[in-house]
Protein backbone atom coordinates (compact mmCIF):
# COMPACT_ATOMS: atom_id res chain seq x y z
CA MET A 1 11.05 -23.44 23.18
CA GLN A 2 11.66 -24.70 26.56
CA ASN A 3 9.27 -24.72 28.97
CA VAL A 4 6.79 -22.53 26.95
CA PRO A 5 3.28 -22.82 28.13
CA VAL A 6 0.99 -24.74 25.78
CA ASN A 7 -1.66 -22.04 26.25
CA MET A 8 0.87 -19.76 24.81
CA VAL A 9 1.81 -21.85 22.00
CA LYS A 10 -2.12 -22.13 21.25
CA LYS A 11 -2.47 -17.91 21.11
CA ILE A 12 0.94 -17.43 19.06
CA CYS A 13 -0.57 -20.39 16.55
CA VAL A 14 -3.83 -18.61 16.48
CA SER A 15 -2.98 -15.27 16.22
CA ILE A 16 -0.74 -16.01 12.98
CA LEU A 17 -3.89 -18.24 11.61
CA ILE A 18 -6.20 -14.93 11.73
CA LEU A 19 -3.27 -12.88 10.07
CA ILE A 20 -2.87 -15.19 7.19
CA PHE A 21 -6.66 -15.32 6.90
CA LEU A 22 -6.59 -11.59 6.79
CA LEU A 23 -4.07 -11.86 4.15
CA LEU A 24 -5.43 -14.21 2.13
CA THR A 25 -9.10 -12.69 2.18
CA GLY A 26 -7.53 -9.14 1.84
CA CYS A 27 -8.55 -6.47 4.55
CA GLN A 28 -12.04 -5.22 3.29
CA LYS A 29 -12.58 -1.32 3.28
CA TYR A 30 -15.61 0.23 3.80
CA HIS A 31 -16.76 3.50 2.55
CA LYS A 32 -16.52 6.51 5.04
CA LEU A 33 -20.07 7.53 4.72
CA GLU A 34 -21.75 4.55 4.64
CA LYS A 35 -20.20 1.72 7.02
CA ASP A 36 -22.17 -1.38 5.44
CA VAL A 37 -20.92 -0.52 1.47
CA PRO A 38 -17.19 -2.11 0.47
CA VAL A 39 -14.60 -0.47 -1.33
CA TYR A 40 -13.78 -1.90 -4.22
CA ARG A 41 -10.58 -3.88 -3.71
CA GLY A 42 -7.64 -1.67 -4.97
CA ALA A 43 -9.65 1.67 -5.08
CA ARG A 44 -7.56 4.46 -3.39
CA PHE A 45 -9.75 7.80 -1.97
CA GLU A 46 -9.17 10.85 -3.94
CA ARG A 47 -11.24 13.34 -1.53
CA LEU A 48 -14.42 14.20 0.31
CA PHE A 49 -16.62 17.16 -1.06
CA ALA A 50 -19.82 18.37 -0.38
CA ASP A 51 -22.79 18.73 -2.93
CA ASN A 52 -23.37 22.42 -3.82
CA SER A 53 -27.13 21.59 -4.55
CA ASN A 54 -27.31 19.94 -1.55
CA LYS A 55 -25.57 21.27 1.96
CA GLN A 56 -26.17 17.91 3.69
CA LYS A 57 -25.15 15.52 1.16
CA LYS A 58 -21.56 14.63 0.89
CA HIS A 59 -19.60 12.81 -1.41
CA GLU A 60 -16.76 10.27 -1.58
CA LEU A 61 -14.75 9.97 -4.83
CA TRP A 62 -12.45 7.28 -5.32
CA ILE A 63 -10.40 5.80 -8.30
CA VAL A 64 -9.36 1.96 -9.25
CA ALA A 65 -7.75 0.71 -12.38
CA ALA A 66 -10.18 -1.59 -13.21
CA PRO A 67 -12.86 -1.40 -16.08
CA ILE A 68 -15.75 0.30 -15.27
CA GLY A 69 -18.29 -3.04 -15.81
CA ASP A 70 -16.49 -4.92 -13.46
CA VAL A 71 -16.44 -2.35 -10.75
CA SER A 72 -20.46 -1.61 -11.88
CA LYS A 73 -20.95 -5.73 -11.37
CA PHE A 74 -18.77 -5.37 -7.83
CA TYR A 75 -21.36 -2.62 -6.38
CA GLN A 76 -24.46 -4.44 -7.47
CA ASP A 77 -23.55 -7.70 -6.26
CA GLU A 78 -22.38 -6.27 -2.89
CA LEU A 79 -25.41 -3.85 -2.52
CA GLU A 80 -27.71 -6.51 -2.79
CA LYS A 81 -25.62 -8.85 -0.39
CA GLN A 82 -25.86 -5.86 1.91
CA LYS A 83 -29.61 -5.63 1.66
CA TRP A 84 -29.69 -2.52 -0.09
CA LYS A 85 -32.92 -2.25 -2.42
CA LYS A 86 -32.38 -1.37 -6.19
CA GLU A 87 -33.74 1.53 -7.65
CA MET A 88 -31.99 1.94 -10.77
CA VAL A 89 -29.29 0.95 -12.87
CA VAL A 90 -28.51 2.95 -15.91
CA PRO A 91 -25.61 2.68 -18.21
CA SER A 92 -24.52 6.06 -20.01
CA PRO A 93 -25.20 5.94 -23.77
CA ASP A 94 -21.59 5.89 -24.74
CA GLY A 95 -20.89 2.92 -22.09
CA ASN A 96 -18.28 4.99 -20.09
CA GLY A 97 -20.27 5.44 -17.02
CA TYR A 98 -23.22 3.87 -14.74
CA ALA A 99 -25.18 5.29 -12.36
CA LEU A 100 -26.81 2.91 -9.43
CA ALA A 101 -29.37 3.85 -6.72
CA TYR A 102 -30.47 2.17 -4.05
CA ILE A 103 -32.16 2.64 -0.87
CA LYS A 104 -32.13 1.38 2.72
CA LYS A 105 -33.43 2.49 6.17
CA LYS A 106 -34.63 5.93 4.72
CA LYS A 107 -31.01 6.64 2.81
CA MET A 108 -30.75 6.65 -0.78
CA LEU A 109 -27.30 5.53 -1.71
CA THR A 110 -25.96 6.94 -5.18
CA VAL A 111 -23.08 5.14 -7.02
CA ILE A 112 -21.84 7.15 -10.19
CA LEU A 113 -19.14 5.26 -11.98
CA PHE A 114 -17.67 6.57 -14.91
CA ALA A 115 -14.44 5.96 -16.79
CA ARG A 116 -11.40 8.11 -16.56
CA ALA A 117 -10.82 10.43 -20.16
CA GLY A 118 -8.71 8.47 -22.21
CA ASN A 119 -8.31 5.35 -20.69
CA GLU A 120 -11.38 2.75 -20.06
CA LYS A 121 -9.27 0.78 -17.52
CA GLU A 122 -9.79 2.92 -14.81
CA THR A 123 -12.48 4.08 -13.13
CA TYR A 124 -13.63 6.86 -10.98
CA ILE A 125 -16.41 6.13 -8.41
CA ASP A 126 -18.75 8.96 -6.87
CA PHE A 127 -20.17 7.75 -3.90
CA SER A 128 -22.94 9.41 -2.23
CA VAL A 129 -25.83 8.92 0.36
CA ALA A 130 -29.02 11.24 1.52
CA LYS A 131 -31.70 10.81 3.67
CA ILE A 132 -34.91 10.62 1.83
CA PRO A 133 -37.46 13.10 2.58
CA LYS A 134 -40.28 12.00 4.68
């Protein structure tokens, strides 16, 4: 490294440290419909679809190889951190699902979690946001 300016070395070192930090912490993805709600780590986006009962409401469907209890806890913790107000958290009677509802700034966020049929270690995440009527 002959005659490399000190300023350039500092910039390279800072860039490398930022990349290492991002790799260690994991680059957090956020939902397409609501930017302040993180996606569960490792979840893969399946599709975006409209709600037949409410044309203004859209859903995102994600799937992740994780137990439903872990995914539910993640969303409950993360939504609280993002200042969403919990309206309800309801487990399904059979233990294979959860319905989570939160409100923030005149929007209702609904996260419905359900285990993939025959595989309790895969969880579907149905995520939607709707405006609260005035």
